[in-house]
Protein backbone atom coordinates (compact mmCIF):
# COMPACT_ATOMS: atom_id res chain seq x y z
CA MET A 1 2.82 -14.49 -15.75
CA LYS A 2 4.54 -11.25 -14.76
CA LYS A 3 8.24 -11.06 -15.48
CA ILE A 4 9.92 -9.74 -12.33
CA ASN A 5 13.52 -8.57 -12.21
CA ILE A 6 15.13 -8.44 -8.77
CA ALA A 7 18.60 -7.04 -8.11
CA ILE A 8 20.40 -8.03 -4.91
CA ILE A 9 23.19 -5.56 -4.12
CA GLY A 10 25.66 -7.06 -1.67
CA ALA A 11 24.60 -10.54 -2.74
CA GLY A 12 27.62 -12.13 -1.05
CA SER A 13 26.19 -11.35 2.39
CA ALA A 14 26.35 -14.40 4.64
CA THR A 15 23.57 -12.96 6.79
CA PHE A 16 20.88 -12.19 4.23
CA SER A 17 21.44 -13.33 0.68
CA ALA A 18 21.29 -17.12 0.97
CA GLY A 19 18.01 -16.93 2.87
CA ILE A 20 16.56 -14.43 0.43
CA VAL A 21 17.52 -16.61 -2.53
CA ARG A 22 15.82 -19.60 -0.86
CA ASP A 23 12.69 -17.51 -0.14
CA LEU A 24 12.54 -16.39 -3.77
CA CYS A 25 12.87 -19.96 -5.04
CA VAL A 26 10.06 -21.36 -2.87
CA THR A 27 7.50 -18.66 -3.75
CA PRO A 28 5.31 -20.08 -6.55
CA SER A 29 4.10 -16.70 -7.79
CA LEU A 30 7.68 -15.69 -8.59
CA GLU A 31 8.07 -18.44 -11.18
CA GLY A 32 10.00 -16.99 -14.13
CA ALA A 33 11.66 -14.22 -12.10
CA HIS A 34 15.19 -13.11 -12.97
CA ILE A 35 17.60 -12.44 -10.11
CA SER A 36 20.65 -10.24 -10.71
CA LEU A 37 23.29 -10.87 -8.06
CA MET A 38 25.85 -8.10 -7.51
CA ASP A 39 28.85 -8.01 -5.19
CA ILE A 40 32.50 -6.93 -5.28
CA ASP A 41 33.61 -10.24 -3.74
CA ALA A 42 33.84 -12.59 -6.73
CA LYS A 43 34.15 -15.75 -4.61
CA ARG A 44 31.07 -14.99 -2.53
CA LEU A 45 29.19 -14.00 -5.68
CA ASP A 46 29.99 -17.31 -7.37
CA MET A 47 28.86 -19.17 -4.25
CA ILE A 48 25.45 -17.48 -4.02
CA GLU A 49 24.81 -17.91 -7.74
CA ALA A 50 25.67 -21.61 -7.49
CA LEU A 51 23.39 -21.98 -4.47
CA GLY A 52 20.47 -20.32 -6.28
CA LYS A 53 20.87 -22.45 -9.39
CA LYS A 54 21.14 -25.61 -7.31
CA ILE A 55 17.97 -24.86 -5.32
CA VAL A 56 16.08 -24.02 -8.53
CA LYS A 57 17.18 -27.30 -10.13
CA GLU A 58 16.24 -29.36 -7.07
CA LEU A 59 12.80 -27.75 -6.89
CA GLY A 60 12.19 -27.85 -10.64
CA ARG A 61 11.64 -24.09 -10.84
CA SER A 62 12.27 -21.68 -13.73
CA ILE A 63 13.85 -18.77 -11.84
CA THR A 64 17.06 -17.54 -13.47
CA PHE A 65 20.20 -16.00 -11.99
CA ALA A 66 22.97 -13.78 -13.35
CA LYS A 67 25.98 -12.45 -11.49
CA THR A 68 27.87 -9.21 -11.98
CA MET A 69 30.36 -6.98 -10.20
CA ASP A 70 28.92 -3.96 -12.06
CA ARG A 71 26.28 -2.21 -9.95
CA GLU A 72 24.75 -0.26 -12.82
CA LYS A 73 24.36 -3.42 -14.89
CA ALA A 74 22.60 -5.14 -11.99
CA LEU A 75 20.08 -2.30 -11.76
CA GLU A 76 19.03 -2.37 -15.41
CA ASN A 77 15.31 -3.20 -15.74
CA ALA A 78 15.00 -3.97 -12.02
CA ASN A 79 11.55 -3.94 -10.44
CA PHE A 80 12.98 -4.44 -6.95
CA VAL A 81 16.44 -3.64 -5.60
CA LEU A 82 17.47 -5.33 -2.34
CA ASN A 83 20.30 -3.54 -0.56
CA THR A 84 22.10 -5.76 1.96
CA VAL A 85 25.52 -4.08 1.77
CA GLN A 86 27.94 -3.87 4.69
CA TYR A 87 30.48 -1.31 3.51
CA GLY A 88 34.02 -2.65 3.87
CA GLY A 89 32.77 -6.01 5.11
CA HIS A 90 33.03 -7.03 8.75
CA SER A 91 36.70 -6.07 8.98
CA TYR A 92 35.83 -2.39 8.60
CA PRO A 93 34.05 -1.94 11.96
CA LEU A 94 36.86 -3.87 13.65
CA MET A 95 39.38 -1.41 12.22
CA MET A 96 37.26 1.56 13.28
CA ASN A 97 36.82 0.13 16.76
CA GLU A 98 40.58 0.02 17.28
CA ILE A 99 40.69 3.76 16.58
CA PHE A 100 37.84 4.39 19.03
CA LYS A 101 39.63 2.43 21.75
CA LYS A 102 42.83 4.36 21.19
CA HIS A 103 40.95 7.55 22.05
CA GLY A 104 39.14 6.24 25.12
CA TYR A 105 35.84 5.11 23.58
CA TYR A 106 34.57 1.63 24.42
CA ARG A 107 32.68 1.02 21.17
CA ASP A 108 30.96 3.29 18.65
CA MET A 109 28.93 2.91 15.48
CA SER A 110 28.12 6.48 14.38
CA LEU A 111 31.35 7.09 12.48
CA THR A 112 31.27 3.57 11.04
CA ASP A 113 27.70 4.19 9.89
CA ILE A 114 28.74 7.32 7.98
CA SER A 115 30.53 5.21 5.35
CA GLN A 116 27.45 3.02 5.12
CA LEU A 117 25.23 6.07 4.63
CA ILE A 118 27.37 7.50 1.84
CA PHE A 119 27.27 4.14 0.04
CA HIS A 120 23.50 3.76 0.50
CA PHE A 121 22.95 7.31 -0.76
CA GLY A 122 24.96 6.59 -3.91
CA LEU A 123 22.96 3.43 -4.57
CA ALA A 124 19.64 5.27 -4.13
CA LYS A 125 20.74 7.89 -6.66
CA ASP A 126 21.65 5.12 -9.10
CA VAL A 127 18.21 3.53 -8.61
CA GLU A 128 16.57 6.91 -9.21
CA ARG A 129 18.52 7.28 -12.47
CA ILE A 130 18.55 3.72 -13.85
CA CYS A 131 15.34 2.06 -12.61
CA PRO A 132 13.17 4.88 -11.17
CA GLU A 133 10.03 2.73 -10.87
CA ALA A 134 11.77 0.07 -8.78
CA TRP A 135 11.26 -0.33 -5.05
CA LEU A 136 14.55 0.04 -3.17
CA ILE A 137 14.31 -2.29 -0.17
CA GLN A 138 16.85 -1.26 2.46
CA SER A 139 18.04 -4.03 4.78
CA GLY A 140 21.64 -2.89 5.21
CA ASN A 141 22.10 -0.83 8.37
CA PRO A 142 21.62 1.85 9.52
CA VAL A 143 18.08 1.46 8.13
CA PHE A 144 16.66 4.47 10.04
CA GLU A 145 19.21 6.99 8.82
CA ALA A 146 19.62 5.49 5.33
CA CYS A 147 15.89 5.50 4.57
CA THR A 148 15.45 9.02 5.93
CA LEU A 149 18.42 10.32 3.93
CA ASN A 150 17.33 8.65 0.69
CA HIS A 151 13.69 9.66 1.09
CA ARG A 152 14.67 13.30 1.54
CA GLN A 153 17.35 13.48 -1.13
CA THR A 154 16.13 11.20 -3.93
CA LYS A 155 12.90 10.26 -5.68
CA ALA A 156 13.57 6.55 -5.27
CA LYS A 157 10.74 4.48 -3.77
CA ILE A 158 12.26 3.64 -0.37
CA LEU A 159 11.23 0.81 1.95
CA GLY A 160 13.22 -0.22 5.03
CA LEU A 161 12.86 -3.73 6.46
CA CYS A 162 14.17 -5.44 9.59
CA HIS A 163 13.18 -8.48 11.63
CA GLY A 164 13.84 -7.05 15.11
CA HIS A 165 10.14 -6.61 15.87
CA TYR A 166 9.74 -10.40 16.03
CA ALA A 167 11.49 -10.32 19.41
CA TYR A 168 8.08 -10.01 21.06
CA LEU A 169 7.62 -13.71 20.23
CA GLU A 170 10.83 -14.55 22.09
CA ILE A 171 9.54 -12.64 25.11
CA ALA A 172 6.26 -14.57 24.90
CA ARG A 173 8.02 -17.94 24.84
CA LYS A 174 10.27 -17.09 27.75
CA ILE A 175 7.40 -16.05 30.01
CA GLY A 176 5.47 -19.24 29.15
CA LEU A 177 3.01 -18.05 26.51
CA ASP A 178 2.19 -19.94 23.33
CA PRO A 179 3.41 -17.64 20.51
CA ALA A 180 0.57 -18.88 18.30
CA HIS A 181 -1.87 -16.93 20.49
CA VAL A 182 0.24 -13.80 20.96
CA THR A 183 -0.14 -10.48 19.13
CA ALA A 184 1.82 -7.28 19.55
CA GLN A 185 2.12 -3.77 18.14
CA THR A 186 5.47 -1.99 18.01
CA SER A 187 6.47 1.42 16.70
CA GLY A 188 9.28 3.96 16.78
CA PHE A 189 12.48 4.04 14.73
CA ASN A 190 14.34 1.03 13.36
CA HIS A 191 16.32 -0.68 16.16
CA TRP A 192 14.56 1.73 18.54
CA ILE A 193 11.00 0.43 18.93
CA PHE A 194 8.65 -0.05 21.86
CA MET A 195 5.79 -2.51 22.33
CA THR A 196 2.64 -0.41 22.52
CA ASP A 197 0.28 -3.39 22.74
CA PHE A 198 0.84 -6.98 23.92
CA ARG A 199 -1.96 -9.54 23.99
CA TYR A 200 -2.42 -13.23 24.74
CA LYS A 201 -5.64 -14.83 23.51
CA GLY A 202 -7.06 -11.34 23.21
CA GLU A 203 -6.21 -10.32 26.79
CA ASP A 204 -3.64 -7.73 27.85
CA ALA A 205 -0.39 -9.69 28.35
CA TYR A 206 1.58 -6.89 30.01
CA PRO A 207 0.40 -8.03 33.51
CA MET A 208 1.77 -11.51 32.68
CA LEU A 209 5.10 -9.93 31.78
CA ASP A 210 5.04 -7.92 35.03
CA LYS A 211 4.43 -11.10 37.04
CA TRP A 212 7.31 -12.91 35.34
CA ILE A 213 9.72 -10.02 35.98
CA GLU A 214 8.74 -9.85 39.66
CA GLU A 215 8.73 -13.58 40.38
CA LYS A 216 11.28 -15.07 37.98
CA GLY A 217 13.36 -12.16 36.75
CA PRO A 218 15.92 -12.07 39.59
CA ASP A 219 16.81 -15.78 39.24
CA TYR A 220 16.86 -15.51 35.46
CA TRP A 221 19.35 -12.62 35.50
CA LYS A 222 21.47 -14.26 38.19
CA ASN A 223 21.91 -17.36 36.01
CA PHE A 224 21.81 -15.48 32.73
CA THR A 225 24.08 -17.21 30.19
CA PRO A 226 22.56 -16.29 26.82
CA ARG A 227 23.94 -16.25 23.37
CA PHE A 228 25.62 -12.94 22.70
CA SER A 229 22.53 -11.49 20.99
CA ASP A 230 19.84 -12.53 23.48
CA THR A 231 18.68 -9.20 24.90
CA SER A 232 14.89 -9.51 24.96
CA LEU A 233 14.47 -10.21 28.69
CA SER A 234 17.88 -9.08 29.85
CA TYR A 235 18.25 -7.01 32.99
CA ALA A 236 18.77 -3.95 30.76
CA ALA A 237 15.55 -4.55 28.80
CA CYS A 238 13.45 -5.02 31.94
CA GLU A 239 15.01 -2.00 33.65
CA GLN A 240 14.26 0.08 30.55
CA TYR A 241 10.66 -1.17 30.66
CA LYS A 242 10.39 -0.04 34.27
CA LEU A 243 11.95 3.30 33.42
CA PHE A 244 9.94 4.10 30.28
CA GLY A 245 6.69 2.23 30.88
CA LEU A 246 6.79 0.27 27.61
CA MET A 247 8.91 -2.77 26.74
CA PRO A 248 11.80 -2.06 24.35
CA ILE A 249 11.86 -4.62 21.54
CA GLY A 250 14.55 -6.26 19.42
CA ASP A 251 17.87 -4.44 19.35
CA THR A 252 16.50 -1.45 21.27
CA PRO A 253 17.90 -2.55 24.68
CA ARG A 254 21.39 -2.73 23.15
CA PHE A 255 21.41 0.93 22.21
CA LEU A 256 19.07 2.64 24.69
CA GLY A 257 21.15 3.67 27.71
CA TRP A 258 24.80 4.64 27.56
CA TRP A 259 25.24 3.42 31.14
CA TYR A 260 24.88 -0.19 29.96
CA ASN A 261 27.62 0.19 27.38
CA ASN A 262 30.47 2.30 28.71
CA ASN A 263 32.58 -0.65 29.96
CA ILE A 264 32.56 -4.43 29.90
CA GLU A 265 31.50 -4.80 33.54
CA ALA A 266 28.39 -2.70 32.90
CA LYS A 267 27.61 -4.73 29.79
CA ARG A 268 27.89 -8.04 31.61
CA ARG A 269 25.56 -6.86 34.35
CA ALA A 270 23.08 -5.54 31.78
CA PHE A 271 23.16 -8.37 29.24
CA GLY A 272 24.74 -11.31 31.07
CA GLY A 273 27.29 -13.77 29.71
CA VAL A 274 29.92 -12.10 27.54
CA GLY A 275 28.22 -8.70 27.79
CA GLY A 276 25.98 -8.96 24.77
CA PHE A 277 26.43 -8.70 21.05
CA ASP A 278 28.39 -5.43 21.21
CA SER A 279 31.17 -6.56 23.53
CA ASP A 280 34.50 -7.60 22.05
CA GLU A 281 33.83 -11.24 22.90
CA GLY A 282 30.24 -11.04 21.66
CA TRP A 283 31.36 -9.56 18.35
CA ALA A 284 33.99 -12.30 18.00
CA GLN A 285 31.26 -14.92 18.53
CA TYR A 286 29.14 -13.19 15.92
CA LEU A 287 31.97 -13.29 13.37
CA GLU A 288 32.64 -16.93 14.20
CA GLY A 289 28.97 -17.65 13.51
CA LEU A 290 29.19 -15.83 10.19
CA GLY A 291 32.17 -17.95 9.22
CA LYS A 292 30.21 -21.11 9.96
CA ASN A 293 27.29 -19.78 7.93
CA VAL A 294 29.55 -19.09 4.95
CA LYS A 295 30.86 -22.68 5.18
CA ARG A 296 27.26 -23.92 5.32
CA ILE A 297 26.39 -21.96 2.18
CA GLU A 298 29.53 -23.19 0.42
CA ASP A 299 28.69 -26.81 1.23
CA ALA A 300 25.12 -26.38 0.03
CA ALA A 301 26.25 -24.68 -3.17
CA THR A 302 29.27 -26.72 -4.25
CA ASP A 303 29.18 -30.17 -2.66
CA ALA A 304 27.59 -32.48 -5.22
CA SER A 305 26.81 -35.05 -2.52
CA VAL A 306 24.71 -32.52 -0.57
CA ARG A 307 21.22 -31.39 -1.51
CA ALA A 308 20.97 -27.62 -1.05
CA THR A 309 17.34 -28.01 0.03
CA ASP A 310 18.42 -30.30 2.87
CA ILE A 311 20.48 -27.41 4.28
CA PHE A 312 18.15 -24.58 3.23
CA LYS A 313 14.74 -26.09 3.82
CA PRO A 314 12.37 -25.27 0.94
CA GLU A 315 9.98 -23.21 3.03
CA GLN A 316 9.44 -19.49 3.49
CA SER A 317 11.36 -17.89 6.36
CA ARG A 318 10.00 -15.15 8.60
CA GLU A 319 11.82 -12.48 6.59
CA GLN A 320 9.33 -10.06 5.03
CA ILE A 321 11.24 -9.16 1.86
CA VAL A 322 9.90 -11.78 -0.54
CA PRO A 323 6.28 -11.74 0.76
CA ILE A 324 6.25 -7.94 0.33
CA ILE A 325 7.50 -8.30 -3.26
CA GLU A 326 4.63 -10.73 -3.80
CA SER A 327 2.08 -8.38 -2.18
CA LEU A 328 3.15 -5.39 -4.27
CA THR A 329 3.36 -7.32 -7.53
CA PHE A 330 0.28 -9.52 -7.31
CA ASP A 331 -1.98 -7.45 -5.02
CA ARG A 332 -1.77 -9.98 -2.17
CA GLU A 333 -2.90 -7.72 0.67
CA ARG A 334 -1.15 -8.37 3.99
CA VAL A 335 0.07 -6.43 7.03
CA TYR A 336 3.82 -6.06 7.59
CA GLN A 337 6.20 -4.16 9.88
CA VAL A 338 7.93 -1.57 7.72
CA ASN A 339 10.10 1.53 7.78
CA ILE A 340 8.46 4.30 5.74
CA PRO A 341 8.16 8.11 5.79
CA ASN A 342 5.91 9.40 8.57
CA LYS A 343 3.35 10.82 6.13
CA GLY A 344 0.15 11.79 7.90
CA GLY A 345 1.80 11.46 11.30
CA LEU A 346 1.77 7.66 11.53
CA VAL A 347 3.83 7.92 14.71
CA PRO A 348 2.57 11.16 16.30
CA GLY A 349 5.01 13.93 17.11
CA PHE A 350 7.57 13.44 14.36
CA PRO A 351 7.92 15.23 11.01
CA GLU A 352 6.52 13.67 7.85
CA ASP A 353 9.93 13.40 6.17
CA LEU A 354 11.38 11.28 8.99
CA VAL A 355 11.23 7.51 8.43
CA VAL A 356 9.46 5.60 11.20
CA GLU A 357 8.88 1.92 11.90
CA CYS A 358 5.26 0.82 12.14
CA PRO A 359 2.76 -1.68 10.72
CA ALA A 360 1.45 -1.13 7.20
CA VAL A 361 -1.01 -2.69 4.79
CA VAL A 362 0.76 -3.68 1.57
CA ASN A 363 -1.07 -4.49 -1.66
CA GLY A 364 -0.92 -3.75 -5.37
CA ALA A 365 -1.65 -0.09 -4.72
CA GLY A 366 1.44 0.33 -2.55
CA ILE A 367 2.36 0.60 1.12
CA HIS A 368 -0.16 2.18 3.48
CA GLY A 369 1.04 2.88 7.00
CA ILE A 370 -1.28 2.24 9.94
CA ALA A 371 -1.55 5.13 12.40
CA GLN A 372 -0.07 4.34 15.81
CA PRO A 373 -1.00 5.54 19.31
CA LYS A 374 0.88 8.48 20.74
CA LEU A 375 3.93 7.34 22.65
CA PRO A 376 3.95 8.10 26.40
CA PRO A 377 5.75 11.34 27.39
CA ARG A 378 8.70 9.53 28.94
CA VAL A 379 9.27 7.41 25.83
CA PHE A 380 8.81 10.34 23.48
CA ALA A 381 10.86 12.97 25.32
CA ALA A 382 13.64 10.89 26.89
CA GLY A 383 13.77 7.93 24.50
CA MET A 384 12.77 9.01 21.01
CA ILE A 385 13.89 12.63 20.73
CA PRO A 386 17.57 11.90 21.58
CA ARG A 387 17.61 9.12 18.97
CA TRP A 388 15.99 11.44 16.43
CA GLN A 389 18.60 14.11 17.15
CA ALA A 390 21.45 11.63 16.61
CA ALA A 391 19.97 10.54 13.27
CA GLU A 392 19.49 14.12 12.08
CA THR A 393 23.14 14.87 12.85
CA LEU A 394 24.40 11.99 10.71
CA VAL A 395 21.92 12.53 7.88
CA ASN A 396 22.77 16.23 7.67
CA ALA A 397 26.49 15.51 7.87
CA VAL A 398 26.15 13.47 4.68
CA ILE A 399 23.80 15.88 2.90
CA HIS A 400 25.96 18.93 3.55
CA HIS A 401 29.40 17.22 3.48
CA ASP A 402 29.80 18.75 6.95
CA ARG A 403 32.60 17.20 9.00
CA ASP A 404 31.80 19.44 11.97
CA MET A 405 28.46 17.67 12.24
CA LEU A 406 30.42 14.51 13.01
CA LEU A 407 32.37 16.37 15.66
CA LEU A 408 29.11 17.57 17.20
CA ARG A 409 27.85 13.97 17.21
CA MET A 410 30.96 12.76 19.04
CA LEU A 411 30.70 15.60 21.56
CA GLU A 412 27.30 14.19 22.57
CA TYR A 413 28.84 10.84 23.51
CA HIS A 414 29.15 10.03 27.20
CA ASP A 415 32.60 8.57 26.54
CA THR A 416 33.74 12.02 25.40
CA ARG A 417 35.62 13.85 28.15
CA SER A 418 36.90 16.83 26.16
CA PHE A 419 36.66 18.67 22.88
CA ASP A 420 40.27 17.69 22.10
CA GLN A 421 39.49 13.99 22.59
CA ALA A 422 36.66 14.06 20.05
CA GLU A 423 38.67 16.11 17.58
CA ALA A 424 41.67 13.78 17.81
CA LEU A 425 39.41 10.78 17.18
CA LEU A 426 38.07 12.37 14.01
CA GLU A 427 41.59 13.22 12.83
CA ASP A 428 42.67 9.58 13.16
CA VAL A 429 39.49 8.26 11.52
CA PHE A 430 39.92 10.50 8.50
CA ALA A 431 43.66 9.81 8.27
CA HIS A 432 43.29 6.02 8.09
CA GLU A 433 44.13 4.49 4.72
CA GLN A 434 40.76 2.71 4.52
CA ASN A 435 38.85 5.99 4.87
CA GLY A 436 39.72 7.67 1.61
CA PHE A 437 36.01 7.34 0.85
CA LEU A 438 35.24 9.60 3.82
CA ARG A 439 37.97 12.11 3.01
CA GLU A 440 36.71 12.46 -0.54
CA TRP A 441 33.11 12.99 0.57
CA PHE A 442 33.81 15.54 3.29
CA ASN A 443 36.30 17.48 1.19
CA GLN A 444 33.62 18.27 -1.39
C-alpha cells in the first residue's frame, strides 16, 4: 500500500473541499492516505476536519486527517497539493466591485484576479521549495493565468482542473439527447473553450443542435427563467455559436462578448432571468447558495443525529481531482480534461509556455496531452487571441511588479471612456485598506 500525503490549501472552501474530502474517502485505492487540511479560517477548518473524520468512521476507512493554519507545515511531505483558495473570501470581490461601480464600470474581475495570482504564485514557490516532487493541482481561479504564471516562473509540477467542460452534457439533455450516448471534444483556455466535436451515437450532433436553435430556441429564450448560472443554451451562447462557428462551452459565454455585460439590461437579454451569474442579483443568489452549502456541511459534520454519508452520498462525484490522483499514483490510465502547458503545440497556434485546456491521457508516467484540431480562423483570431493578450498582461504585471500593466489592461476595457477614468480606478483600488497586499507587491 502506497502512503499518499495530500495537502488541501483553502480547505474551508464551501464550494470544493467537502466534495473533495468525500471523493477521497470513497476511493478504495487511497486507503491509508493522510490529508492535511489548511485554512486561515479556524471555524471552517474545524468543520471540514470533523466532516472528513465522520465520513471515514461511517465508511470504516483508515484515511487520516490533520488540520493546520500553517501553510508550510501543510506542505511537508505532500505528494499532491490541492489549491482551492479564494483570496480574501467572497467579501473581497464585493468590495472591489463597489470601487469599480464608483468609477463607471459595471463589473470587473481582472484587478480582483491580481490578488489571487500573487497568492497562487507564492504557494507555487513554496511547493517548489518544500515538496518539489508534488503535483500542484490548481482549482482556484483564475486557472488559466495562475497555471501559466507558475509554469513559467517555478519548477513546480502544475496541473489546472475545472469542471466547465461538462456543460456539453447539459446542452445534450436540453436538446433531447441521452447524455449516455453523447461525446464531445473541447479545447482552448480555461473558462474560454469551444466544442470542436459533438457526437450522438457516433453521428455528428451539431445538426441536431442547429435544428433545436432554429425550431425551439426563440420560445426557450422568450420564457428563459434559469438559475443564475445556466448559460449553456442562453441567447448569448447561441449567438456566439452563430458568430464563431463553434459552440462556446461552460463559462465561456459569460466572458466572451463585452456587449452582453456592460449593463443589466444587456445581461438579462443575453442570459435571461436575473442576468446571469455575474449580475448583482445573480451574485447574491450565488452567495446565498454558498451559505446554504456551509450549513449543510456543518450539519453533516457536527450533528450527531445526522449521518454525514446521508448528506454526502458515498459515491465519486464528477470532479476529476481524486481520479487523477489515483491515475498518477497507481498507473490507472484514463483520459481527462486538463490545463497543461502547450508543449508540442497541443492547441495549434499558441506558444509552448502558455497553458491550454485540452484532453490528456493520465497514467503512472504522467500527463500526456492529446493534440487538438486547429481552431477556425474566426475563433482563433477574434476569440482566442484577445483572451491570450489579456492573460499575458496580468501574468506579466505580476512577474515584473508592473502597475502600468494593470493600467494598460483597464484601458482595453469597453467600460473605459478615458485614461483618467482608468487611472483613478487604479488609485482607489491600491488605496483601499484591504489591498495592502497589492501595494506591497507593486512597490517592489
